[in-house]
Amino acid sequence: MTDKLLYKLKAAEELAEKGLIQGTAEAKREIWLYTFSDPYTIAERVAENLSIPTVTARKGLKSLSEAGLLYADKTENASRKYRNYDLIRIFD
């Protein structure tokens, strides 16, 4: 059981590093790491928790989605939901 948990933690760490390599802007890096504590998120929550403007959060989430790191639910425009499915798969 501990081996399985260690494997999952290692996989999550590798996923985090993968995103950090792709993100050069500090806000984008913070947003990426935030999705590890809130894998189903919206821009307003990111902005509130990181104390950044909502516009910055929205742009960062969109950029991470375009890079293939997050999945954007395109059915909603106003409060578009972003999901870190790779992280969710690791811990399922």
Protein backbone atom coordinates (compact mmCIF):
# COMPACT_ATOMS: atom_id res chain seq x y z
CA MET A 1 0.00 0.00 0.00
CA THR A 2 2.78 2.46 0.82
CA ASP A 3 4.46 1.67 -2.50
CA LYS A 4 1.26 2.56 -4.32
CA LEU A 5 0.96 5.84 -2.43
CA LEU A 6 4.61 6.71 -3.07
CA TYR A 7 4.08 5.98 -6.77
CA LYS A 8 1.09 8.36 -6.85
CA LEU A 9 3.00 11.10 -5.04
CA LYS A 10 5.94 10.73 -7.43
CA ALA A 11 3.58 10.89 -10.43
CA ALA A 12 1.94 14.05 -9.03
CA GLU A 13 5.35 15.63 -8.47
CA GLU A 14 6.38 14.84 -12.06
CA LEU A 15 3.13 16.35 -13.34
CA ALA A 16 3.76 19.52 -11.33
CA GLU A 17 7.29 19.80 -12.73
CA LYS A 18 5.99 19.28 -16.28
CA GLY A 19 3.70 22.28 -15.89
CA LEU A 20 6.35 24.43 -14.24
CA ILE A 21 8.74 23.83 -17.13
CA GLN A 22 6.12 25.09 -19.61
CA GLY A 23 5.10 28.14 -17.59
CA THR A 24 7.54 31.01 -17.45
CA ALA A 25 5.31 33.76 -16.01
CA GLU A 26 5.18 33.72 -12.21
CA ALA A 27 1.38 34.08 -12.10
CA LYS A 28 0.97 31.19 -14.52
CA ARG A 29 3.23 29.00 -12.39
CA GLU A 30 1.25 29.89 -9.25
CA ILE A 31 -2.03 29.16 -11.01
CA TRP A 32 -0.73 25.77 -12.18
CA LEU A 33 0.32 24.81 -8.66
CA TYR A 34 -2.99 26.08 -7.27
CA THR A 35 -4.85 23.54 -9.42
CA PHE A 36 -3.20 20.82 -7.33
CA SER A 37 -5.21 21.97 -4.30
CA ASP A 38 -8.36 22.71 -6.33
CA PRO A 39 -8.39 20.47 -9.44
CA TYR A 40 -11.95 21.58 -10.37
CA THR A 41 -11.67 25.35 -10.37
CA ILE A 42 -12.86 28.62 -11.90
CA ALA A 43 -11.03 31.90 -12.48
CA GLU A 44 -12.82 33.71 -9.66
CA ARG A 45 -11.66 31.16 -7.07
CA VAL A 46 -8.10 31.22 -8.39
CA ALA A 47 -8.06 35.03 -8.24
CA GLU A 48 -9.45 35.07 -4.71
CA ASN A 49 -7.05 32.45 -3.33
CA LEU A 50 -3.94 33.82 -5.04
CA SER A 51 -4.85 37.50 -4.57
CA ILE A 52 -4.50 38.26 -8.26
CA PRO A 53 -6.90 40.02 -10.66
CA THR A 54 -9.60 37.80 -12.15
CA VAL A 55 -8.41 38.76 -15.64
CA THR A 56 -4.93 37.43 -14.82
CA ALA A 57 -6.41 34.21 -13.45
CA ARG A 58 -8.60 33.77 -16.52
CA LYS A 59 -5.68 34.35 -18.92
CA GLY A 60 -3.44 31.97 -16.96
CA LEU A 61 -6.06 29.22 -16.91
CA LYS A 62 -6.71 29.69 -20.63
CA SER A 63 -2.98 29.49 -21.37
CA LEU A 64 -2.62 26.30 -19.31
CA SER A 65 -5.60 24.83 -21.13
CA GLU A 66 -4.12 25.71 -24.53
CA ALA A 67 -0.87 24.04 -23.44
CA GLY A 68 -2.83 20.86 -22.73
CA LEU A 69 -2.27 20.95 -18.97
CA LEU A 70 -5.87 21.71 -18.01
CA TYR A 71 -9.23 20.87 -19.55
CA ALA A 72 -11.59 23.80 -20.10
CA ASP A 73 -15.35 23.19 -20.04
CA LYS A 74 -16.34 25.18 -23.11
CA THR A 75 -20.08 24.93 -22.44
CA GLU A 76 -19.92 27.82 -19.97
CA ASN A 77 -18.36 31.16 -20.85
CA ALA A 78 -19.00 33.32 -17.79
CA SER A 79 -17.68 30.95 -15.13
CA ARG A 80 -15.77 28.50 -17.27
CA LYS A 81 -14.63 25.50 -15.26
CA TYR A 82 -11.09 24.22 -15.58
CA ARG A 83 -10.07 20.72 -14.55
CA ASN A 84 -6.70 19.17 -13.84
CA TYR A 85 -7.71 15.72 -15.12
CA ASP A 86 -4.16 14.37 -15.14
CA LEU A 87 -3.92 14.93 -11.39
CA ILE A 88 -7.37 13.47 -10.79
CA ARG A 89 -6.43 10.34 -12.76
CA ILE A 90 -3.31 9.86 -10.65
CA PHE A 91 -5.27 9.79 -7.39
CA ASP A 92 -8.33 7.87 -8.60
